[in-house]
Amino acid sequence: MVKYVSPELYEKYKQQVLEMSLAIQNYVGTKQVRETSSLTDREIAERLGLDVADVTEIRCMAEIDLLPADTWLKSANWKQARTRRSSPKQASQPRTK
């Protein structure tokens, strides 16, 4: 279950959690590229005096914030296009070359 993290707690620890966390996936257009991996959420929580669930939520939110907004739109459009191409109606029709 997702744990509520206040905006104040998020802003206070966001950068520290990102800097200490395991590798952030590198997406085209991210603002921050990780060169090394570091600590687990549990280890970060122990060092910062936070609950593990808080660290996990802060990390997840911060990783999402690294993606430019248009990435979400591009992803949604890509998914819609893939769904249209693989719809059952089209799958039952014979393919032509």
PDB file of N, CA and C in Angstrom:
ATOM      1  N   MET A   1       0.834  -1.182   0.000  1.00  0.00           N
ATOM      2  CA  MET A   1       0.000   0.000   0.000  1.00  0.00           C
ATOM      3  C   MET A   1       0.877   1.242   0.000  1.00  0.00           C
ATOM      4  N   VAL A   2       0.494   2.228  -0.790  1.00  0.00           N
ATOM      5  CA  VAL A   2       1.246   3.474  -0.902  1.00  0.00           C
ATOM      6  C   VAL A   2       1.100   4.269   0.384  1.00  0.00           C
ATOM      7  N   LYS A   3       2.217   4.825   0.832  1.00  0.00           N
ATOM      8  CA  LYS A   3       2.195   5.622   2.052  1.00  0.00           C
ATOM      9  C   LYS A   3       2.179   7.101   1.683  1.00  0.00           C
ATOM     10  N   TYR A   4       1.360   7.872   2.369  1.00  0.00           N
ATOM     11  CA  TYR A   4       1.315   9.313   2.134  1.00  0.00           C
ATOM     12  C   TYR A   4       2.587   9.948   2.675  1.00  0.00           C
ATOM     13  N   VAL A   5       3.208  10.766   1.847  1.00  0.00           N
ATOM     14  CA  VAL A   5       4.374  11.538   2.251  1.00  0.00           C
ATOM     15  C   VAL A   5       4.020  12.998   2.037  1.00  0.00           C
ATOM     16  N   SER A   6       4.155  13.795   3.074  1.00  0.00           N
ATOM     17  CA  SER A   6       3.804  15.214   2.956  1.00  0.00           C
ATOM     18  C   SER A   6       4.744  15.912   1.975  1.00  0.00           C
ATOM     19  N   PRO A   7       4.255  16.967   1.330  1.00  0.00           N
ATOM     20  CA  PRO A   7       5.115  17.723   0.415  1.00  0.00           C
ATOM     21  C   PRO A   7       6.374  18.260   1.114  1.00  0.00           C
ATOM     22  N   GLU A   8       6.229  18.621   2.371  1.00  0.00           N
ATOM     23  CA  GLU A   8       7.378  19.140   3.130  1.00  0.00           C
ATOM     24  C   GLU A   8       8.450  18.063   3.320  1.00  0.00           C
ATOM     25  N   LEU A   9       8.006  16.861   3.695  1.00  0.00           N
ATOM     26  CA  LEU A   9       8.952  15.752   3.888  1.00  0.00           C
ATOM     27  C   LEU A   9       9.605  15.386   2.555  1.00  0.00           C
ATOM     28  N   TYR A  10       8.816  15.361   1.506  1.00  0.00           N
ATOM     29  CA  TYR A  10       9.338  15.040   0.178  1.00  0.00           C
ATOM     30  C   TYR A  10      10.415  16.040  -0.236  1.00  0.00           C
ATOM     31  N   GLU A  11      10.102  17.324  -0.149  1.00  0.00           N
ATOM     32  CA  GLU A  11      11.059  18.357  -0.555  1.00  0.00           C
ATOM     33  C   GLU A  11      12.322  18.340   0.297  1.00  0.00           C
ATOM     34  N   LYS A  12      12.164  18.072   1.578  1.00  0.00           N
ATOM     35  CA  LYS A  12      13.306  18.066   2.490  1.00  0.00           C
ATOM     36  C   LYS A  12      14.299  16.946   2.158  1.00  0.00           C
ATOM     37  N   TYR A  13      13.796  15.762   1.788  1.00  0.00           N
ATOM     38  CA  TYR A  13      14.667  14.594   1.618  1.00  0.00           C
ATOM     39  C   TYR A  13      14.842  14.118   0.184  1.00  0.00           C
ATOM     40  N   LYS A  14      14.132  14.690  -0.759  1.00  0.00           N
ATOM     41  CA  LYS A  14      14.158  14.224  -2.148  1.00  0.00           C
ATOM     42  C   LYS A  14      15.582  14.093  -2.692  1.00  0.00           C
ATOM     43  N   GLN A  15      16.345  15.143  -2.633  1.00  0.00           N
ATOM     44  CA  GLN A  15      17.688  15.134  -3.217  1.00  0.00           C
ATOM     45  C   GLN A  15      18.612  14.145  -2.507  1.00  0.00           C
ATOM     46  N   GLN A  16      18.538  14.085  -1.186  1.00  0.00           N
ATOM     47  CA  GLN A  16      19.377  13.149  -0.434  1.00  0.00           C
ATOM     48  C   GLN A  16      19.041  11.705  -0.794  1.00  0.00           C
ATOM     49  N   VAL A  17      17.756  11.395  -0.883  1.00  0.00           N
ATOM     50  CA  VAL A  17      17.337  10.035  -1.212  1.00  0.00           C
ATOM     51  C   VAL A  17      17.812   9.669  -2.612  1.00  0.00           C
ATOM     52  N   LEU A  18      17.658  10.572  -3.572  1.00  0.00           N
ATOM     53  CA  LEU A  18      18.134  10.288  -4.927  1.00  0.00           C
ATOM     54  C   LEU A  18      19.642  10.056  -4.953  1.00  0.00           C
ATOM     55  N   GLU A  19      20.376  10.877  -4.241  1.00  0.00           N
ATOM     56  CA  GLU A  19      21.834  10.757  -4.232  1.00  0.00           C
ATOM     57  C   GLU A  19      22.305   9.464  -3.582  1.00  0.00           C
ATOM     58  N   MET A  20      21.555   8.970  -2.610  1.00  0.00           N
ATOM     59  CA  MET A  20      21.962   7.775  -1.880  1.00  0.00           C
ATOM     60  C   MET A  20      21.391   6.485  -2.455  1.00  0.00           C
ATOM     61  N   SER A  21      20.391   6.589  -3.321  1.00  0.00           N
ATOM     62  CA  SER A  21      19.651   5.409  -3.762  1.00  0.00           C
ATOM     63  C   SER A  21      20.400   4.575  -4.788  1.00  0.00           C
ATOM     64  N   LEU A  22      19.833   3.392  -5.015  1.00  0.00           N
ATOM     65  CA  LEU A  22      20.358   2.519  -6.051  1.00  0.00           C
ATOM     66  C   LEU A  22      20.158   3.173  -7.402  1.00  0.00           C
ATOM     67  N   ALA A  23      20.722   2.582  -8.425  1.00  0.00           N
ATOM     68  CA  ALA A  23      20.718   3.176  -9.766  1.00  0.00           C
ATOM     69  C   ALA A  23      19.337   3.636 -10.197  1.00  0.00           C
ATOM     70  N   ILE A  24      19.274   4.843 -10.687  1.00  0.00           N
ATOM     71  CA  ILE A  24      18.073   5.381 -11.302  1.00  0.00           C
ATOM     72  C   ILE A  24      18.158   4.986 -12.763  1.00  0.00           C
ATOM     73  N   GLN A  25      17.066   4.484 -13.308  1.00  0.00           N
ATOM     74  CA  GLN A  25      17.081   4.117 -14.716  1.00  0.00           C
ATOM     75  C   GLN A  25      17.312   5.358 -15.552  1.00  0.00           C
ATOM     76  N   ASN A  26      18.121   5.214 -16.567  1.00  0.00           N
ATOM     77  CA  ASN A  26      18.428   6.342 -17.433  1.00  0.00           C
ATOM     78  C   ASN A  26      17.463   6.377 -18.604  1.00  0.00           C
ATOM     79  N   TYR A  27      16.626   7.392 -18.648  1.00  0.00           N
ATOM     80  CA  TYR A  27      15.685   7.594 -19.740  1.00  0.00           C
ATOM     81  C   TYR A  27      16.187   8.750 -20.591  1.00  0.00           C
ATOM     82  N   VAL A  28      15.890   8.702 -21.859  1.00  0.00           N
ATOM     83  CA  VAL A  28      16.240   9.820 -22.729  1.00  0.00           C
ATOM     84  C   VAL A  28      15.556  11.063 -22.177  1.00  0.00           C
ATOM     85  N   GLY A  29      16.314  12.113 -21.963  1.00  0.00           N
ATOM     86  CA  GLY A  29      15.750  13.364 -21.493  1.00  0.00           C
ATOM     87  C   GLY A  29      15.780  13.562 -19.989  1.00  0.00           C
ATOM     88  N   THR A  30      16.332  12.601 -19.229  1.00  0.00           N
ATOM     89  CA  THR A  30      16.357  12.808 -17.777  1.00  0.00           C
ATOM     90  C   THR A  30      17.337  13.915 -17.444  1.00  0.00           C
ATOM     91  N   LYS A  31      17.062  14.561 -16.342  1.00  0.00           N
ATOM     92  CA  LYS A  31      17.904  15.663 -15.915  1.00  0.00           C
ATOM     93  C   LYS A  31      19.140  15.174 -15.176  1.00  0.00           C
ATOM     94  N   GLN A  32      19.068  13.983 -14.611  1.00  0.00           N
ATOM     95  CA  GLN A  32      20.162  13.488 -13.791  1.00  0.00           C
ATOM     96  C   GLN A  32      20.526  12.079 -14.248  1.00  0.00           C
ATOM     97  N   VAL A  33      21.794  11.847 -14.492  1.00  0.00           N
ATOM     98  CA  VAL A  33      22.263  10.525 -14.882  1.00  0.00           C
ATOM     99  C   VAL A  33      23.140   9.987 -13.758  1.00  0.00           C
ATOM    100  N   ARG A  34      22.823   8.782 -13.304  1.00  0.00           N
ATOM    101  CA  ARG A  34      23.580   8.172 -12.218  1.00  0.00           C
ATOM    102  C   ARG A  34      24.772   7.421 -12.781  1.00  0.00           C
ATOM    103  N   GLU A  35      25.927   7.615 -12.184  1.00  0.00           N
ATOM    104  CA  GLU A  35      27.111   6.887 -12.603  1.00  0.00           C
ATOM    105  C   GLU A  35      27.393   5.706 -11.689  1.00  0.00           C
ATOM    106  N   THR A  36      26.886   5.763 -10.466  1.00  0.00           N
ATOM    107  CA  THR A  36      27.131   4.670  -9.530  1.00  0.00           C
ATOM    108  C   THR A  36      25.856   4.353  -8.760  1.00  0.00           C
ATOM    109  N   SER A  37      25.831   3.170  -8.176  1.00  0.00           N
ATOM    110  CA  SER A  37      24.729   2.763  -7.308  1.00  0.00           C
ATOM    111  C   SER A  37      25.203   2.857  -5.867  1.00  0.00           C
ATOM    112  N   SER A  38      24.241   2.943  -4.950  1.00  0.00           N
ATOM    113  CA  SER A  38      24.644   3.091  -3.570  1.00  0.00           C
ATOM    114  C   SER A  38      23.829   2.226  -2.626  1.00  0.00           C
ATOM    115  N   LEU A  39      22.904   2.847  -1.876  1.00  0.00           N
ATOM    116  CA  LEU A  39      22.233   2.199  -0.758  1.00  0.00           C
ATOM    117  C   LEU A  39      20.816   1.746  -1.085  1.00  0.00           C
ATOM    118  N   THR A  40      20.347   0.754  -0.329  1.00  0.00           N
ATOM    119  CA  THR A  40      18.954   0.315  -0.439  1.00  0.00           C
ATOM    120  C   THR A  40      18.068   1.301   0.307  1.00  0.00           C
ATOM    121  N   ASP A  41      16.754   1.185   0.111  1.00  0.00           N
ATOM    122  CA  ASP A  41      15.816   2.056   0.828  1.00  0.00           C
ATOM    123  C   ASP A  41      15.960   1.885   2.331  1.00  0.00           C
ATOM    124  N   ARG A  42      16.141   0.667   2.781  1.00  0.00           N
ATOM    125  CA  ARG A  42      16.303   0.403   4.219  1.00  0.00           C
ATOM    126  C   ARG A  42      17.553   1.103   4.762  1.00  0.00           C
ATOM    127  N   GLU A  43      18.661   1.008   4.034  1.00  0.00           N
ATOM    128  CA  GLU A  43      19.898   1.657   4.475  1.00  0.00           C
ATOM    129  C   GLU A  43      19.761   3.178   4.488  1.00  0.00           C
ATOM    130  N   ILE A  44      19.090   3.711   3.486  1.00  0.00           N
ATOM    131  CA  ILE A  44      18.856   5.169   3.439  1.00  0.00           C
ATOM    132  C   ILE A  44      17.999   5.593   4.628  1.00  0.00           C
ATOM    133  N   ALA A  45      16.941   4.830   4.898  1.00  0.00           N
ATOM    134  CA  ALA A  45      16.050   5.144   6.019  1.00  0.00           C
ATOM    135  C   ALA A  45      16.827   5.168   7.337  1.00  0.00           C
ATOM    136  N   GLU A  46      17.695   4.197   7.531  1.00  0.00           N
ATOM    137  CA  GLU A  46      18.483   4.149   8.764  1.00  0.00           C
ATOM    138  C   GLU A  46      19.395   5.367   8.886  1.00  0.00           C
ATOM    139  N   ARG A  47      20.028   5.760   7.791  1.00  0.00           N
ATOM    140  CA  ARG A  47      20.949   6.905   7.836  1.00  0.00           C
ATOM    141  C   ARG A  47      20.238   8.242   8.024  1.00  0.00           C
ATOM    142  N   LEU A  48      19.027   8.365   7.451  1.00  0.00           N
ATOM    143  CA  LEU A  48      18.295   9.629   7.550  1.00  0.00           C
ATOM    144  C   LEU A  48      17.311   9.669   8.714  1.00  0.00           C
ATOM    145  N   GLY A  49      17.139   8.528   9.397  1.00  0.00           N
ATOM    146  CA  GLY A  49      16.194   8.469  10.510  1.00  0.00           C
ATOM    147  C   GLY A  49      14.747   8.496  10.053  1.00  0.00           C
ATOM    148  N   LEU A  50      14.477   7.913   8.880  1.00  0.00           N
ATOM    149  CA  LEU A  50      13.128   7.875   8.330  1.00  0.00           C
ATOM    150  C   LEU A  50      12.597   6.447   8.317  1.00  0.00           C
ATOM    151  N   ASP A  51      11.305   6.326   8.094  1.00  0.00           N
ATOM    152  CA  ASP A  51      10.667   5.037   7.909  1.00  0.00           C
ATOM    153  C   ASP A  51      11.014   4.530   6.507  1.00  0.00           C
ATOM    154  N   VAL A  52      11.203   3.219   6.356  1.00  0.00           N
ATOM    155  CA  VAL A  52      11.541   2.649   5.051  1.00  0.00           C
ATOM    156  C   VAL A  52      10.462   2.976   4.013  1.00  0.00           C
ATOM    157  N   ALA A  53       9.193   2.906   4.410  1.00  0.00           N
ATOM    158  CA  ALA A  53       8.097   3.213   3.487  1.00  0.00           C
ATOM    159  C   ALA A  53       8.166   4.672   3.015  1.00  0.00           C
ATOM    160  N   ASP A  54       8.577   5.578   3.891  1.00  0.00           N
ATOM    161  CA  ASP A  54       8.729   6.982   3.492  1.00  0.00           C
ATOM    162  C   ASP A  54       9.823   7.118   2.439  1.00  0.00           C
ATOM    163  N   VAL A  55      10.948   6.470   2.670  1.00  0.00           N
ATOM    164  CA  VAL A  55      12.064   6.536   1.719  1.00  0.00           C
ATOM    165  C   VAL A  55      11.652   5.962   0.370  1.00  0.00           C
ATOM    166  N   THR A  56      10.962   4.827   0.398  1.00  0.00           N
ATOM    167  CA  THR A  56      10.517   4.206  -0.854  1.00  0.00           C
ATOM    168  C   THR A  56       9.606   5.145  -1.630  1.00  0.00           C
ATOM    169  N   GLU A  57       8.659   5.756  -0.943  1.00  0.00           N
ATOM    170  CA  GLU A  57       7.728   6.669  -1.608  1.00  0.00           C
ATOM    171  C   GLU A  57       8.448   7.910  -2.125  1.00  0.00           C
ATOM    172  N   ILE A  58       9.339   8.474  -1.339  1.00  0.00           N
ATOM    173  CA  ILE A  58      10.109   9.643  -1.771  1.00  0.00           C
ATOM    174  C   ILE A  58      10.935   9.298  -3.006  1.00  0.00           C
ATOM    175  N   ARG A  59      11.595   8.148  -2.998  1.00  0.00           N
ATOM    176  CA  ARG A  59      12.419   7.736  -4.136  1.00  0.00           C
ATOM    177  C   ARG A  59      11.579   7.563  -5.398  1.00  0.00           C
ATOM    178  N   CYS A  60      10.453   6.879  -5.267  1.00  0.00           N
ATOM    179  CA  CYS A  60       9.587   6.649  -6.434  1.00  0.00           C
ATOM    180  C   CYS A  60       9.080   7.965  -7.017  1.00  0.00           C
ATOM    181  N   MET A  61       8.645   8.855  -6.152  1.00  0.00           N
ATOM    182  CA  MET A  61       8.148  10.153  -6.612  1.00  0.00           C
ATOM    183  C   MET A  61       9.273  10.957  -7.273  1.00  0.00           C
ATOM    184  N   ALA A  62      10.445  10.933  -6.670  1.00  0.00           N
ATOM    185  CA  ALA A  62      11.574  11.704  -7.191  1.00  0.00           C
ATOM    186  C   ALA A  62      12.035  11.164  -8.542  1.00  0.00           C
ATOM    187  N   GLU A  63      12.033   9.845  -8.703  1.00  0.00           N
ATOM    188  CA  GLU A  63      12.415   9.263  -9.991  1.00  0.00           C
ATOM    189  C   GLU A  63      11.419   9.671 -11.083  1.00  0.00           C
ATOM    190  N   ILE A  64      10.139   9.690 -10.744  1.00  0.00           N
ATOM    191  CA  ILE A  64       9.123  10.117 -11.708  1.00  0.00           C
ATOM    192  C   ILE A  64       9.321  11.590 -12.060  1.00  0.00           C
ATOM    193  N   ASP A  65       9.674  12.400 -11.063  1.00  0.00           N
ATOM    194  CA  ASP A  65       9.895  13.826 -11.305  1.00  0.00           C
ATOM    195  C   ASP A  65      11.071  14.083 -12.244  1.00  0.00           C
ATOM    196  N   LEU A  66      11.978  13.127 -12.377  1.00  0.00           N
ATOM    197  CA  LEU A  66      13.119  13.306 -13.276  1.00  0.00           C
ATOM    198  C   LEU A  66      12.707  13.264 -14.751  1.00  0.00           C
ATOM    199  N   LEU A  67      11.580  12.631 -15.037  1.00  0.00           N
ATOM    200  CA  LEU A  67      11.136  12.509 -16.423  1.00  0.00           C
ATOM    201  C   LEU A  67      10.447  13.784 -16.886  1.00  0.00           C
ATOM    202  N   PRO A  68      10.787  14.254 -18.074  1.00  0.00           N
ATOM    203  CA  PRO A  68      10.079  15.415 -18.612  1.00  0.00           C
ATOM    204  C   PRO A  68       8.597  15.070 -18.827  1.00  0.00           C
ATOM    205  N   ALA A  69       7.723  16.054 -18.697  1.00  0.00           N
ATOM    206  CA  ALA A  69       6.282  15.821 -18.805  1.00  0.00           C
ATOM    207  C   ALA A  69       5.889  15.218 -20.143  1.00  0.00           C
ATOM    208  N   ASP A  70       6.540  15.634 -21.230  1.00  0.00           N
ATOM    209  CA  ASP A  70       6.157  15.106 -22.534  1.00  0.00           C
ATOM    210  C   ASP A  70       6.474  13.627 -22.688  1.00  0.00           C
ATOM    211  N   THR A  71       7.318  13.082 -21.844  1.00  0.00           N
ATOM    212  CA  THR A  71       7.614  11.650 -21.878  1.00  0.00           C
ATOM    213  C   THR A  71       6.365  10.845 -21.565  1.00  0.00           C
ATOM    214  N   TRP A  72       5.543  11.328 -20.625  1.00  0.00           N
ATOM    215  CA  TRP A  72       4.306  10.641 -20.280  1.00  0.00           C
ATOM    216  C   TRP A  72       3.346  10.640 -21.462  1.00  0.00           C
ATOM    217  N   LEU A  73       3.253  11.769 -22.169  1.00  0.00           N
ATOM    218  CA  LEU A  73       2.367  11.863 -23.334  1.00  0.00           C
ATOM    219  C   LEU A  73       2.857  10.954 -24.464  1.00  0.00           C
ATOM    220  N   LYS A  74       4.148  10.957 -24.710  1.00  0.00           N
ATOM    221  CA  LYS A  74       4.707  10.087 -25.750  1.00  0.00           C
ATOM    222  C   LYS A  74       4.443   8.622 -25.417  1.00  0.00           C
ATOM    223  N   SER A  75       4.596   8.270 -24.166  1.00  0.00           N
ATOM    224  CA  SER A  75       4.353   6.897 -23.732  1.00  0.00           C
ATOM    225  C   SER A  75       2.895   6.503 -23.933  1.00  0.00           C
ATOM    226  N   ALA A  76       1.989   7.385 -23.556  1.00  0.00           N
ATOM    227  CA  ALA A  76       0.558   7.103 -23.709  1.00  0.00           C
ATOM    228  C   ALA A  76       0.199   6.945 -25.182  1.00  0.00           C
ATOM    229  N   ASN A  77       0.740   7.809 -26.019  1.00  0.00           N
ATOM    230  CA  ASN A  77       0.470   7.717 -27.455  1.00  0.00           C
ATOM    231  C   ASN A  77       1.031   6.427 -28.040  1.00  0.00           C
ATOM    232  N   TRP A  78       2.211   6.042 -27.610  1.00  0.00           N
ATOM    233  CA  TRP A  78       2.827   4.800 -28.083  1.00  0.00           C
ATOM    234  C   TRP A  78       1.971   3.603 -27.691  1.00  0.00           C
ATOM    235  N   LYS A  79       1.495   3.587 -26.439  1.00  0.00           N
ATOM    236  CA  LYS A  79       0.654   2.484 -25.964  1.00  0.00           C
ATOM    237  C   LYS A  79      -0.657   2.405 -26.756  1.00  0.00           C
ATOM    238  N   GLN A  80      -1.266   3.551 -27.024  1.00  0.00           N
ATOM    239  CA  GLN A  80      -2.506   3.562 -27.806  1.00  0.00           C
ATOM    240  C   GLN A  80      -2.264   3.026 -29.212  1.00  0.00           C
ATOM    241  N   ALA A  81      -1.183   3.423 -29.830  1.00  0.00           N
ATOM    242  CA  ALA A  81      -0.868   2.949 -31.176  1.00  0.00           C
ATOM    243  C   ALA A  81      -0.640   1.441 -31.180  1.00  0.00           C
ATOM    244  N   ARG A  82       0.068   0.936 -30.181  1.00  0.00           N
ATOM    245  CA  ARG A  82       0.318  -0.511 -30.083  1.00  0.00           C
ATOM    246  C   ARG A  82      -0.984  -1.269 -29.863  1.00  0.00           C
ATOM    247  N   THR A  83      -1.867  -0.716 -29.057  1.00  0.00           N
ATOM    248  CA  THR A  83      -3.153  -1.364 -28.787  1.00  0.00           C
ATOM    249  C   THR A  83      -4.000  -1.418 -30.048  1.00  0.00           C
ATOM    250  N   ARG A  84      -4.022  -0.336 -30.794  1.00  0.00           N
ATOM    251  CA  ARG A  84      -4.790  -0.309 -32.040  1.00  0.00           C
ATOM    252  C   ARG A  84      -4.276  -1.344 -33.037  1.00  0.00           C
ATOM    253  N   ARG A  85      -2.952  -1.475 -33.115  1.00  0.00           N
ATOM    254  CA  ARG A  85      -2.368  -2.425 -34.062  1.00  0.00           C
ATOM    255  C   ARG A  85      -2.657  -3.867 -33.676  1.00  0.00           C
ATOM    256  N   SER A  86      -2.813  -4.135 -32.392  1.00  0.00           N
ATOM    257  CA  SER A  86      -3.015  -5.513 -31.952  1.00  0.00           C
ATOM    258  C   SER A  86      -4.452  -5.787 -31.514  1.00  0.00           C
ATOM    259  N   SER A  87      -5.386  -4.953 -31.976  1.00  0.00           N
ATOM    260  CA  SER A  87      -6.775  -5.158 -31.575  1.00  0.00           C
ATOM    261  C   SER A  87      -7.306  -6.457 -32.170  1.00  0.00           C
ATOM    262  N   PRO A  88      -8.262  -7.133 -31.496  1.00  0.00           N
ATOM    263  CA  PRO A  88      -8.802  -8.410 -31.976  1.00  0.00           C
ATOM    264  C   PRO A  88      -9.409  -8.319 -33.361  1.00  0.00           C
ATOM    265  N   LYS A  89     -10.040  -7.194 -33.693  1.00  0.00           N
ATOM    266  CA  LYS A  89     -10.647  -7.031 -35.014  1.00  0.00           C
ATOM    267  C   LYS A  89      -9.585  -7.143 -36.094  1.00  0.00           C
ATOM    268  N   GLN A  90      -8.477  -6.465 -35.893  1.00  0.00           N
ATOM    269  CA  GLN A  90      -7.403  -6.502 -36.875  1.00  0.00           C
ATOM    270  C   GLN A  90      -6.714  -7.858 -36.900  1.00  0.00           C
ATOM    271  N   ALA A  91      -6.617  -8.521 -35.738  1.00  0.00           N
ATOM    272  CA  ALA A  91      -5.941  -9.804 -35.669  1.00  0.00           C
ATOM    273  C   ALA A  91      -6.698 -10.874 -36.443  1.00  0.00           C
ATOM    274  N   SER A  92      -8.038 -10.754 -36.554  1.00  0.00           N
ATOM    275  CA  SER A  92      -8.830 -11.756 -37.254  1.00  0.00           C
ATOM    276  C   SER A  92      -8.821 -11.544 -38.767  1.00  0.00           C
ATOM    277  N   GLN A  93      -8.391 -10.387 -39.202  1.00  0.00           N
ATOM    278  CA  GLN A  93      -8.359 -10.115 -40.640  1.00  0.00           C
ATOM    279  C   GLN A  93      -7.086 -10.701 -41.245  1.00  0.00           C
ATOM    280  N   PRO A  94      -7.186 -11.249 -42.455  1.00  0.00           N
ATOM    281  CA  PRO A  94      -5.979 -11.805 -43.082  1.00  0.00           C
ATOM    282  C   PRO A  94      -4.989 -10.692 -43.409  1.00  0.00           C
ATOM    283  N   ARG A  95      -3.729 -11.011 -43.261  1.00  0.00           N
ATOM    284  CA  ARG A  95      -2.676 -10.047 -43.568  1.00  0.00           C
ATOM    285  C   ARG A  95      -2.396 -10.047 -45.063  1.00  0.00           C
ATOM    286  N   THR A  96      -2.184  -8.884 -45.588  1.00  0.00           N
ATOM    287  CA  THR A  96      -1.801  -8.758 -46.990  1.00  0.00           C
ATOM    288  C   THR A  96      -0.400  -8.233 -47.050  1.00  0.00           C
ATOM    289  N   LYS A  97       0.292  -8.649 -48.087  1.00  0.00           N
ATOM    290  CA  LYS A  97       1.691  -8.227 -48.206  1.00  0.00           C
ATOM    291  C   LYS A  97       1.844  -7.120 -49.195  1.00  0.00           C
TER     292      LYS A  97
END
